[in-house]
Amino acid sequence: MDTKQKRIFENRARVIKALAHPTRICIVDRLSQGEQCVRDLTALVRCDMSTVSKHLSILKNAGIVRDEKRGACVYYTLRIPCILNFFQCSDAVIDATVREYATLE
């Protein structure tokens, strides 16, 4: 693997790692419905604001979300909505695995 390929794979891994937590997947799923204030996301995932902010920071650093401060609240949106295609693909893998194991029983 050359340097360019390695960089591509490392960047892909960074995005996948950012999604590798149920809370962050929940946040991305909610953002698929439109922009959300950090307070609303905190209520959604039932964690303290600092924990939610940490999750949002990971998603932002991976390029998945963007933020905009308005008044006292920070609003988040999906930067690239096609990230939802990844969820469809992962659901297909899960469904295929479940079907495969069901036939083995």
PDB file of N, CA and C in Angstrom:
ATOM      1  N   MET A   1       0.855  -1.169   0.000  1.00  0.00           N
ATOM      2  CA  MET A   1       0.000   0.000   0.000  1.00  0.00           C
ATOM      3  C   MET A   1       0.901   1.232   0.000  1.00  0.00           C
ATOM      4  N   ASP A   2       0.612   2.166  -0.892  1.00  0.00           N
ATOM      5  CA  ASP A   2       1.422   3.375  -0.956  1.00  0.00           C
ATOM      6  C   ASP A   2       0.903   4.425   0.037  1.00  0.00           C
ATOM      7  N   THR A   3       1.612   5.539   0.133  1.00  0.00           N
ATOM      8  CA  THR A   3       1.284   6.587   1.101  1.00  0.00           C
ATOM      9  C   THR A   3      -0.099   7.175   0.870  1.00  0.00           C
ATOM     10  N   LYS A   4      -0.462   7.390  -0.368  1.00  0.00           N
ATOM     11  CA  LYS A   4      -1.784   7.955  -0.678  1.00  0.00           C
ATOM     12  C   LYS A   4      -2.896   6.997  -0.261  1.00  0.00           C
ATOM     13  N   GLN A   5      -2.743   5.718  -0.585  1.00  0.00           N
ATOM     14  CA  GLN A   5      -3.742   4.718  -0.193  1.00  0.00           C
ATOM     15  C   GLN A   5      -3.845   4.629   1.328  1.00  0.00           C
ATOM     16  N   LYS A   6      -2.706   4.664   1.995  1.00  0.00           N
ATOM     17  CA  LYS A   6      -2.692   4.586   3.453  1.00  0.00           C
ATOM     18  C   LYS A   6      -3.475   5.756   4.050  1.00  0.00           C
ATOM     19  N   ARG A   7      -3.278   6.943   3.523  1.00  0.00           N
ATOM     20  CA  ARG A   7      -3.987   8.131   4.013  1.00  0.00           C
ATOM     21  C   ARG A   7      -5.492   7.983   3.796  1.00  0.00           C
ATOM     22  N   ILE A   8      -5.885   7.459   2.650  1.00  0.00           N
ATOM     23  CA  ILE A   8      -7.302   7.240   2.359  1.00  0.00           C
ATOM     24  C   ILE A   8      -7.897   6.268   3.372  1.00  0.00           C
ATOM     25  N   PHE A   9      -7.214   5.160   3.618  1.00  0.00           N
ATOM     26  CA  PHE A   9      -7.713   4.156   4.560  1.00  0.00           C
ATOM     27  C   PHE A   9      -7.761   4.705   5.987  1.00  0.00           C
ATOM     28  N   GLU A  10      -6.764   5.495   6.361  1.00  0.00           N
ATOM     29  CA  GLU A  10      -6.762   6.100   7.695  1.00  0.00           C
ATOM     30  C   GLU A  10      -7.928   7.076   7.859  1.00  0.00           C
ATOM     31  N   ASN A  11      -8.218   7.859   6.820  1.00  0.00           N
ATOM     32  CA  ASN A  11      -9.347   8.784   6.890  1.00  0.00           C
ATOM     33  C   ASN A  11     -10.676   8.044   6.968  1.00  0.00           C
ATOM     34  N   ARG A  12     -10.806   6.962   6.229  1.00  0.00           N
ATOM     35  CA  ARG A  12     -12.029   6.154   6.314  1.00  0.00           C
ATOM     36  C   ARG A  12     -12.185   5.579   7.721  1.00  0.00           C
ATOM     37  N   ALA A  13     -11.095   5.093   8.273  1.00  0.00           N
ATOM     38  CA  ALA A  13     -11.138   4.524   9.626  1.00  0.00           C
ATOM     39  C   ALA A  13     -11.539   5.591  10.643  1.00  0.00           C
ATOM     40  N   ARG A  14     -11.077   6.826  10.461  1.00  0.00           N
ATOM     41  CA  ARG A  14     -11.426   7.917  11.370  1.00  0.00           C
ATOM     42  C   ARG A  14     -12.933   8.163  11.367  1.00  0.00           C
ATOM     43  N   VAL A  15     -13.544   8.151  10.184  1.00  0.00           N
ATOM     44  CA  VAL A  15     -14.991   8.356  10.076  1.00  0.00           C
ATOM     45  C   VAL A  15     -15.727   7.177  10.712  1.00  0.00           C
ATOM     46  N   ILE A  16     -15.291   5.966  10.417  1.00  0.00           N
ATOM     47  CA  ILE A  16     -15.954   4.782  10.973  1.00  0.00           C
ATOM     48  C   ILE A  16     -15.808   4.750  12.491  1.00  0.00           C
ATOM     49  N   LYS A  17     -14.629   5.095  13.007  1.00  0.00           N
ATOM     50  CA  LYS A  17     -14.432   5.136  14.462  1.00  0.00           C
ATOM     51  C   LYS A  17     -15.353   6.168  15.109  1.00  0.00           C
ATOM     52  N   ALA A  18     -15.557   7.291  14.431  1.00  0.00           N
ATOM     53  CA  ALA A  18     -16.435   8.326  14.987  1.00  0.00           C
ATOM     54  C   ALA A  18     -17.866   7.822  15.120  1.00  0.00           C
ATOM     55  N   LEU A  19     -18.251   6.903  14.274  1.00  0.00           N
ATOM     56  CA  LEU A  19     -19.604   6.344  14.325  1.00  0.00           C
ATOM     57  C   LEU A  19     -19.699   5.131  15.253  1.00  0.00           C
ATOM     58  N   ALA A  20     -18.593   4.693  15.790  1.00  0.00           N
ATOM     59  CA  ALA A  20     -18.548   3.437  16.535  1.00  0.00           C
ATOM     60  C   ALA A  20     -18.974   3.584  17.991  1.00  0.00           C
ATOM     61  N   HIS A  21     -20.076   4.276  18.205  1.00  0.00           N
ATOM     62  CA  HIS A  21     -20.634   4.380  19.552  1.00  0.00           C
ATOM     63  C   HIS A  21     -22.142   4.573  19.425  1.00  0.00           C
ATOM     64  N   PRO A  22     -22.924   3.827  20.191  1.00  0.00           N
ATOM     65  CA  PRO A  22     -24.390   3.926  20.059  1.00  0.00           C
ATOM     66  C   PRO A  22     -24.936   5.340  20.243  1.00  0.00           C
ATOM     67  N   THR A  23     -24.352   6.112  21.147  1.00  0.00           N
ATOM     68  CA  THR A  23     -24.834   7.477  21.353  1.00  0.00           C
ATOM     69  C   THR A  23     -24.594   8.334  20.122  1.00  0.00           C
ATOM     70  N   ARG A  24     -23.428   8.185  19.501  1.00  0.00           N
ATOM     71  CA  ARG A  24     -23.136   8.985  18.310  1.00  0.00           C
ATOM     72  C   ARG A  24     -24.013   8.555  17.144  1.00  0.00           C
ATOM     73  N   ILE A  25     -24.314   7.269  17.043  1.00  0.00           N
ATOM     74  CA  ILE A  25     -25.228   6.805  15.996  1.00  0.00           C
ATOM     75  C   ILE A  25     -26.616   7.392  16.225  1.00  0.00           C
ATOM     76  N   CYS A  26     -27.042   7.428  17.472  1.00  0.00           N
ATOM     77  CA  CYS A  26     -28.340   8.025  17.813  1.00  0.00           C
ATOM     78  C   CYS A  26     -28.372   9.505  17.433  1.00  0.00           C
ATOM     79  N   ILE A  27     -27.306  10.221  17.731  1.00  0.00           N
ATOM     80  CA  ILE A  27     -27.231  11.647  17.393  1.00  0.00           C
ATOM     81  C   ILE A  27     -27.307  11.845  15.887  1.00  0.00           C
ATOM     82  N   VAL A  28     -26.538  11.072  15.134  1.00  0.00           N
ATOM     83  CA  VAL A  28     -26.549  11.191  13.670  1.00  0.00           C
ATOM     84  C   VAL A  28     -27.935  10.864  13.127  1.00  0.00           C
ATOM     85  N   ASP A  29     -28.561   9.844  13.680  1.00  0.00           N
ATOM     86  CA  ASP A  29     -29.908   9.489  13.248  1.00  0.00           C
ATOM     87  C   ASP A  29     -30.878  10.659  13.480  1.00  0.00           C
ATOM     88  N   ARG A  30     -30.807  11.273  14.641  1.00  0.00           N
ATOM     89  CA  ARG A  30     -31.690  12.406  14.927  1.00  0.00           C
ATOM     90  C   ARG A  30     -31.384  13.594  14.000  1.00  0.00           C
ATOM     91  N   LEU A  31     -30.103  13.826  13.733  1.00  0.00           N
ATOM     92  CA  LEU A  31     -29.742  14.926  12.846  1.00  0.00           C
ATOM     93  C   LEU A  31     -30.199  14.680  11.411  1.00  0.00           C
ATOM     94  N   SER A  32     -30.485  13.428  11.076  1.00  0.00           N
ATOM     95  CA  SER A  32     -31.003  13.147   9.736  1.00  0.00           C
ATOM     96  C   SER A  32     -32.382  13.763   9.549  1.00  0.00           C
ATOM     97  N   GLN A  33     -33.034  14.112  10.653  1.00  0.00           N
ATOM     98  CA  GLN A  33     -34.354  14.736  10.608  1.00  0.00           C
ATOM     99  C   GLN A  33     -34.272  16.256  10.582  1.00  0.00           C
ATOM    100  N   GLY A  34     -33.066  16.800  10.707  1.00  0.00           N
ATOM    101  CA  GLY A  34     -32.878  18.248  10.666  1.00  0.00           C
ATOM    102  C   GLY A  34     -32.003  18.721  11.808  1.00  0.00           C
ATOM    103  N   GLU A  35     -31.717  20.005  11.798  1.00  0.00           N
ATOM    104  CA  GLU A  35     -30.812  20.565  12.789  1.00  0.00           C
ATOM    105  C   GLU A  35     -31.385  20.431  14.198  1.00  0.00           C
ATOM    106  N   GLN A  36     -30.457  20.297  15.148  1.00  0.00           N
ATOM    107  CA  GLN A  36     -30.839  20.121  16.547  1.00  0.00           C
ATOM    108  C   GLN A  36     -29.936  20.967  17.434  1.00  0.00           C
ATOM    109  N   CYS A  37     -30.532  21.532  18.470  1.00  0.00           N
ATOM    110  CA  CYS A  37     -29.778  22.253  19.490  1.00  0.00           C
ATOM    111  C   CYS A  37     -29.136  21.232  20.418  1.00  0.00           C
ATOM    112  N   VAL A  38     -27.974  21.553  20.931  1.00  0.00           N
ATOM    113  CA  VAL A  38     -27.267  20.628  21.811  1.00  0.00           C
ATOM    114  C   VAL A  38     -28.119  20.276  23.036  1.00  0.00           C
ATOM    115  N   ARG A  39     -28.932  21.200  23.513  1.00  0.00           N
ATOM    116  CA  ARG A  39     -29.817  20.888  24.653  1.00  0.00           C
ATOM    117  C   ARG A  39     -30.802  19.776  24.292  1.00  0.00           C
ATOM    118  N   ASP A  40     -31.356  19.832  23.071  1.00  0.00           N
ATOM    119  CA  ASP A  40     -32.299  18.793  22.638  1.00  0.00           C
ATOM    120  C   ASP A  40     -31.603  17.450  22.493  1.00  0.00           C
ATOM    121  N   LEU A  41     -30.382  17.460  21.990  1.00  0.00           N
ATOM    122  CA  LEU A  41     -29.634  16.216  21.851  1.00  0.00           C
ATOM    123  C   LEU A  41     -29.285  15.634  23.222  1.00  0.00           C
ATOM    124  N   THR A  42     -29.012  16.507  24.180  1.00  0.00           N
ATOM    125  CA  THR A  42     -28.723  16.071  25.544  1.00  0.00           C
ATOM    126  C   THR A  42     -29.939  15.366  26.137  1.00  0.00           C
ATOM    127  N   ALA A  43     -31.119  15.934  25.926  1.00  0.00           N
ATOM    128  CA  ALA A  43     -32.352  15.311  26.418  1.00  0.00           C
ATOM    129  C   ALA A  43     -32.612  13.990  25.701  1.00  0.00           C
ATOM    130  N   LEU A  44     -32.315  13.939  24.415  1.00  0.00           N
ATOM    131  CA  LEU A  44     -32.537  12.730  23.625  1.00  0.00           C
ATOM    132  C   LEU A  44     -31.734  11.551  24.158  1.00  0.00           C
ATOM    133  N   VAL A  45     -30.452  11.752  24.366  1.00  0.00           N
ATOM    134  CA  VAL A  45     -29.582  10.639  24.744  1.00  0.00           C
ATOM    135  C   VAL A  45     -29.482  10.452  26.256  1.00  0.00           C
ATOM    136  N   ARG A  46     -30.080  11.367  26.998  1.00  0.00           N
ATOM    137  CA  ARG A  46     -30.138  11.272  28.468  1.00  0.00           C
ATOM    138  C   ARG A  46     -28.758  11.152  29.100  1.00  0.00           C
ATOM    139  N   CYS A  47     -27.873  12.021  28.641  1.00  0.00           N
ATOM    140  CA  CYS A  47     -26.536  12.133  29.215  1.00  0.00           C
ATOM    141  C   CYS A  47     -26.331  13.591  29.616  1.00  0.00           C
ATOM    142  N   ASP A  48     -25.286  13.835  30.388  1.00  0.00           N
ATOM    143  CA  ASP A  48     -25.008  15.224  30.741  1.00  0.00           C
ATOM    144  C   ASP A  48     -24.446  15.958  29.521  1.00  0.00           C
ATOM    145  N   MET A  49     -24.536  17.285  29.570  1.00  0.00           N
ATOM    146  CA  MET A  49     -24.150  18.094  28.416  1.00  0.00           C
ATOM    147  C   MET A  49     -22.681  17.924  28.045  1.00  0.00           C
ATOM    148  N   SER A  50     -21.809  17.734  29.030  1.00  0.00           N
ATOM    149  CA  SER A  50     -20.386  17.584  28.697  1.00  0.00           C
ATOM    150  C   SER A  50     -20.135  16.290  27.927  1.00  0.00           C
ATOM    151  N   THR A  51     -20.852  15.228  28.264  1.00  0.00           N
ATOM    152  CA  THR A  51     -20.708  13.963  27.541  1.00  0.00           C
ATOM    153  C   THR A  51     -21.207  14.103  26.104  1.00  0.00           C
ATOM    154  N   VAL A  52     -22.364  14.742  25.948  1.00  0.00           N
ATOM    155  CA  VAL A  52     -22.914  14.950  24.603  1.00  0.00           C
ATOM    156  C   VAL A  52     -21.982  15.842  23.793  1.00  0.00           C
ATOM    157  N   SER A  53     -21.442  16.877  24.417  1.00  0.00           N
ATOM    158  CA  SER A  53     -20.505  17.764  23.719  1.00  0.00           C
ATOM    159  C   SER A  53     -19.272  17.008  23.250  1.00  0.00           C
ATOM    160  N   LYS A  54     -18.796  16.068  24.051  1.00  0.00           N
ATOM    161  CA  LYS A  54     -17.647  15.248  23.663  1.00  0.00           C
ATOM    162  C   LYS A  54     -17.986  14.393  22.434  1.00  0.00           C
ATOM    163  N   HIS A  55     -19.175  13.770  22.455  1.00  0.00           N
ATOM    164  CA  HIS A  55     -19.606  12.975  21.299  1.00  0.00           C
ATOM    165  C   HIS A  55     -19.718  13.857  20.055  1.00  0.00           C
ATOM    166  N   LEU A  56     -20.298  15.035  20.212  1.00  0.00           N
ATOM    167  CA  LEU A  56     -20.455  15.950  19.072  1.00  0.00           C
ATOM    168  C   LEU A  56     -19.100  16.420  18.552  1.00  0.00           C
ATOM    169  N   SER A  57     -18.163  16.613  19.448  1.00  0.00           N
ATOM    170  CA  SER A  57     -16.812  17.013  19.040  1.00  0.00           C
ATOM    171  C   SER A  57     -16.152  15.926  18.192  1.00  0.00           C
ATOM    172  N   ILE A  58     -16.331  14.678  18.582  1.00  0.00           N
ATOM    173  CA  ILE A  58     -15.772  13.559  17.807  1.00  0.00           C
ATOM    174  C   ILE A  58     -16.402  13.522  16.416  1.00  0.00           C
ATOM    175  N   LEU A  59     -17.730  13.687  16.356  1.00  0.00           N
ATOM    176  CA  LEU A  59     -18.423  13.695  15.058  1.00  0.00           C
ATOM    177  C   LEU A  59     -17.984  14.884  14.204  1.00  0.00           C
ATOM    178  N   LYS A  60     -17.799  16.023  14.838  1.00  0.00           N
ATOM    179  CA  LYS A  60     -17.368  17.223  14.101  1.00  0.00           C
ATOM    180  C   LYS A  60     -15.939  17.050  13.581  1.00  0.00           C
ATOM    181  N   ASN A  61     -15.046  16.535  14.415  1.00  0.00           N
ATOM    182  CA  ASN A  61     -13.650  16.344  13.991  1.00  0.00           C
ATOM    183  C   ASN A  61     -13.532  15.330  12.861  1.00  0.00           C
ATOM    184  N   ALA A  62     -14.481  14.408  12.773  1.00  0.00           N
ATOM    185  CA  ALA A  62     -14.480  13.428  11.686  1.00  0.00           C
ATOM    186  C   ALA A  62     -15.134  13.982  10.426  1.00  0.00           C
ATOM    187  N   GLY A  63     -15.716  15.181  10.518  1.00  0.00           N
ATOM    188  CA  GLY A  63     -16.338  15.806   9.349  1.00  0.00           C
ATOM    189  C   GLY A  63     -17.778  15.365   9.111  1.00  0.00           C
ATOM    190  N   ILE A  64     -18.392  14.750  10.111  1.00  0.00           N
ATOM    191  CA  ILE A  64     -19.747  14.229   9.942  1.00  0.00           C
ATOM    192  C   ILE A  64     -20.799  15.291  10.226  1.00  0.00           C
ATOM    193  N   VAL A  65     -20.539  16.146  11.219  1.00  0.00           N
ATOM    194  CA  VAL A  65     -21.489  17.208  11.567  1.00  0.00           C
ATOM    195  C   VAL A  65     -20.794  18.566  11.517  1.00  0.00           C
ATOM    196  N   ARG A  66     -21.620  19.588  11.478  1.00  0.00           N
ATOM    197  CA  ARG A  66     -21.105  20.956  11.611  1.00  0.00           C
ATOM    198  C   ARG A  66     -21.971  21.658  12.638  1.00  0.00           C
ATOM    199  N   ASP A  67     -21.429  22.720  13.206  1.00  0.00           N
ATOM    200  CA  ASP A  67     -22.175  23.447  14.225  1.00  0.00           C
ATOM    201  C   ASP A  67     -22.279  24.923  13.883  1.00  0.00           C
ATOM    202  N   GLU A  68     -23.261  25.555  14.511  1.00  0.00           N
ATOM    203  CA  GLU A  68     -23.465  27.003  14.347  1.00  0.00           C
ATOM    204  C   GLU A  68     -24.008  27.531  15.660  1.00  0.00           C
ATOM    205  N   LYS A  69     -23.282  28.475  16.233  1.00  0.00           N
ATOM    206  CA  LYS A  69     -23.721  29.071  17.491  1.00  0.00           C
ATOM    207  C   LYS A  69     -24.701  30.197  17.190  1.00  0.00           C
ATOM    208  N   ARG A  70     -25.871  30.116  17.838  1.00  0.00           N
ATOM    209  CA  ARG A  70     -26.893  31.156  17.735  1.00  0.00           C
ATOM    210  C   ARG A  70     -27.375  31.468  19.133  1.00  0.00           C
ATOM    211  N   GLY A  71     -27.056  32.653  19.578  1.00  0.00           N
ATOM    212  CA  GLY A  71     -27.446  33.017  20.935  1.00  0.00           C
ATOM    213  C   GLY A  71     -26.750  32.117  21.937  1.00  0.00           C
ATOM    214  N   ALA A  72     -27.541  31.557  22.846  1.00  0.00           N
ATOM    215  CA  ALA A  72     -26.982  30.715  23.903  1.00  0.00           C
ATOM    216  C   ALA A  72     -26.876  29.250  23.505  1.00  0.00           C
ATOM    217  N   CYS A  73     -27.325  28.901  22.317  1.00  0.00           N
ATOM    218  CA  CYS A  73     -27.349  27.492  21.932  1.00  0.00           C
ATOM    219  C   CYS A  73     -26.496  27.238  20.691  1.00  0.00           C
ATOM    220  N   VAL A  74     -25.922  26.053  20.650  1.00  0.00           N
ATOM    221  CA  VAL A  74     -25.174  25.604  19.479  1.00  0.00           C
ATOM    222  C   VAL A  74     -26.056  24.600  18.759  1.00  0.00           C
ATOM    223  N   TYR A  75     -26.238  24.828  17.455  1.00  0.00           N
ATOM    224  CA  TYR A  75     -27.061  23.942  16.641  1.00  0.00           C
ATOM    225  C   TYR A  75     -26.158  23.076  15.770  1.00  0.00           C
ATOM    226  N   TYR A  76     -26.546  21.817  15.626  1.00  0.00           N
ATOM    227  CA  TYR A  76     -25.782  20.864  14.832  1.00  0.00           C
ATOM    228  C   TYR A  76     -26.606  20.374  13.658  1.00  0.00           C
ATOM    229  N   THR A  77     -25.922  20.146  12.541  1.00  0.00           N
ATOM    230  CA  THR A  77     -26.534  19.559  11.350  1.00  0.00           C
ATOM    231  C   THR A  77     -25.562  18.538  10.775  1.00  0.00           C
ATOM    232  N   LEU A  78     -26.112  17.634   9.976  1.00  0.00           N
ATOM    233  CA  LEU A  78     -25.242  16.703   9.262  1.00  0.00           C
ATOM    234  C   LEU A  78     -24.498  17.482   8.191  1.00  0.00           C
ATOM    235  N   ARG A  79     -23.210  17.293   8.104  1.00  0.00           N
ATOM    236  CA  ARG A  79     -22.408  17.959   7.085  1.00  0.00           C
ATOM    237  C   ARG A  79     -22.589  17.268   5.741  1.00  0.00           C
ATOM    238  N   ILE A  80     -22.607  15.949   5.761  1.00  0.00           N
ATOM    239  CA  ILE A  80     -22.749  15.150   4.558  1.00  0.00           C
ATOM    240  C   ILE A  80     -23.834  14.106   4.818  1.00  0.00           C
ATOM    241  N   PRO A  81     -25.075  14.369   4.402  1.00  0.00           N
ATOM    242  CA  PRO A  81     -26.172  13.435   4.699  1.00  0.00           C
ATOM    243  C   PRO A  81     -25.993  12.026   4.139  1.00  0.00           C
ATOM    244  N   CYS A  82     -25.119  11.843   3.164  1.00  0.00           N
ATOM    245  CA  CYS A  82     -24.935  10.495   2.612  1.00  0.00           C
ATOM    246  C   CYS A  82     -24.339   9.530   3.637  1.00  0.00           C
ATOM    247  N   ILE A  83     -23.919  10.038   4.795  1.00  0.00           N
ATOM    248  CA  ILE A  83     -23.437   9.145   5.856  1.00  0.00           C
ATOM    249  C   ILE A  83     -24.521   8.157   6.240  1.00  0.00           C
ATOM    250  N   LEU A  84     -25.782   8.525   6.003  1.00  0.00           N
ATOM    251  CA  LEU A  84     -26.902   7.639   6.318  1.00  0.00           C
ATOM    252  C   LEU A  84     -26.874   6.382   5.459  1.00  0.00           C
ATOM    253  N   ASN A  85     -26.244   6.439   4.284  1.00  0.00           N
ATOM    254  CA  ASN A  85     -26.091   5.248   3.445  1.00  0.00           C
ATOM    255  C   ASN A  85     -25.276   4.176   4.177  1.00  0.00           C
ATOM    256  N   PHE A  86     -24.349   4.625   5.006  1.00  0.00           N
ATOM    257  CA  PHE A  86     -23.544   3.692   5.790  1.00  0.00           C
ATOM    258  C   PHE A  86     -24.442   2.890   6.723  1.00  0.00           C
ATOM    259  N   PHE A  87     -25.438   3.552   7.309  1.00  0.00           N
ATOM    260  CA  PHE A  87     -26.377   2.852   8.199  1.00  0.00           C
ATOM    261  C   PHE A  87     -27.188   1.826   7.424  1.00  0.00           C
ATOM    262  N   GLN A  88     -27.625   2.178   6.231  1.00  0.00           N
ATOM    263  CA  GLN A  88     -28.376   1.230   5.413  1.00  0.00           C
ATOM    264  C   GLN A  88     -27.514   0.008   5.098  1.00  0.00           C
ATOM    265  N   CYS A  89     -26.273   0.248   4.786  1.00  0.00           N
ATOM    266  CA  CYS A  89     -25.359  -0.848   4.480  1.00  0.00           C
ATOM    267  C   CYS A  89     -25.128  -1.715   5.717  1.00  0.00           C
ATOM    268  N   SER A  90     -24.901  -1.084   6.869  1.00  0.00           N
ATOM    269  CA  SER A  90     -24.675  -1.881   8.081  1.00  0.00           C
ATOM    270  C   SER A  90     -25.928  -2.669   8.456  1.00  0.00           C
ATOM    271  N   ASP A  91     -27.110  -2.093   8.243  1.00  0.00           N
ATOM    272  CA  ASP A  91     -28.358  -2.829   8.498  1.00  0.00           C
ATOM    273  C   ASP A  91     -28.471  -4.041   7.572  1.00  0.00           C
ATOM    274  N   ALA A  92     -28.043  -3.894   6.324  1.00  0.00           N
ATOM    275  CA  ALA A  92     -28.077  -5.018   5.376  1.00  0.00           C
ATOM    276  C   ALA A  92     -27.143  -6.137   5.824  1.00  0.00           C
ATOM    277  N   VAL A  93     -25.981  -5.769   6.331  1.00  0.00           N
ATOM    278  CA  VAL A  93     -25.038  -6.771   6.840  1.00  0.00           C
ATOM    279  C   VAL A  93     -25.652  -7.502   8.033  1.00  0.00           C
ATOM    280  N   ILE A  94     -26.268  -6.757   8.945  1.00  0.00           N
ATOM    281  CA  ILE A  94     -26.902  -7.353  10.127  1.00  0.00           C
ATOM    282  C   ILE A  94     -28.023  -8.295   9.706  1.00  0.00           C
ATOM    283  N   ASP A  95     -28.885  -7.850   8.795  1.00  0.00           N
ATOM    284  CA  ASP A  95     -29.991  -8.688   8.326  1.00  0.00           C
ATOM    285  C   ASP A  95     -29.481  -9.976   7.675  1.00  0.00           C
ATOM    286  N   ALA A  96     -28.457  -9.862   6.851  1.00  0.00           N
ATOM    287  CA  ALA A  96     -27.906 -11.044   6.178  1.00  0.00           C
ATOM    288  C   ALA A  96     -27.309 -12.013   7.189  1.00  0.00           C
ATOM    289  N   THR A  97     -26.658 -11.478   8.199  1.00  0.00           N
ATOM    290  CA  THR A  97     -26.062 -12.325   9.227  1.00  0.00           C
ATOM    291  C   THR A  97     -27.139 -13.047  10.028  1.00  0.00           C
ATOM    292  N   VAL A  98     -28.185 -12.321  10.380  1.00  0.00           N
ATOM    293  CA  VAL A  98     -29.293 -12.934  11.124  1.00  0.00           C
ATOM    294  C   VAL A  98     -29.929 -14.044  10.297  1.00  0.00           C
ATOM    295  N   ARG A  99     -30.173 -13.782   9.011  1.00  0.00           N
ATOM    296  CA  ARG A  99     -30.758 -14.806   8.139  1.00  0.00           C
ATOM    297  C   ARG A  99     -29.852 -16.022   8.023  1.00  0.00           C
ATOM    298  N   GLU A 100     -28.564 -15.776   7.903  1.00  0.00           N
ATOM    299  CA  GLU A 100     -27.603 -16.877   7.767  1.00  0.00           C
ATOM    300  C   GLU A 100     -27.592 -17.742   9.018  1.00  0.00           C
ATOM    301  N   TYR A 101     -27.565 -17.119  10.174  1.00  0.00           N
ATOM    302  CA  TYR A 101     -27.573 -17.885  11.426  1.00  0.00           C
ATOM    303  C   TYR A 101     -28.897 -18.615  11.631  1.00  0.00           C
ATOM    304  N   ALA A 102     -29.988 -18.018  11.167  1.00  0.00           N
ATOM    305  CA  ALA A 102     -31.307 -18.670  11.307  1.00  0.00           C
ATOM    306  C   ALA A 102     -31.367 -19.955  10.499  1.00  0.00           C
ATOM    307  N   THR A 103     -30.700 -19.983   9.350  1.00  0.00           N
ATOM    308  CA  THR A 103     -30.712 -21.200   8.523  1.00  0.00           C
ATOM    309  C   THR A 103     -29.829 -22.294   9.119  1.00  0.00           C
ATOM    310  N   LEU A 104     -28.900 -21.926   9.983  1.00  0.00           N
ATOM    311  CA  LEU A 104     -28.011 -22.906  10.603  1.00  0.00           C
ATOM    312  C   LEU A 104     -28.655 -23.605  11.795  1.00  0.00           C
ATOM    313  N   GLU A 105     -29.714 -23.044  12.308  1.00  0.00           N
ATOM    314  CA  GLU A 105     -30.371 -23.628  13.493  1.00  0.00           C
ATOM    315  C   GLU A 105     -31.247 -24.787  13.151  1.00  0.00           C
TER     316      GLU A 105
END
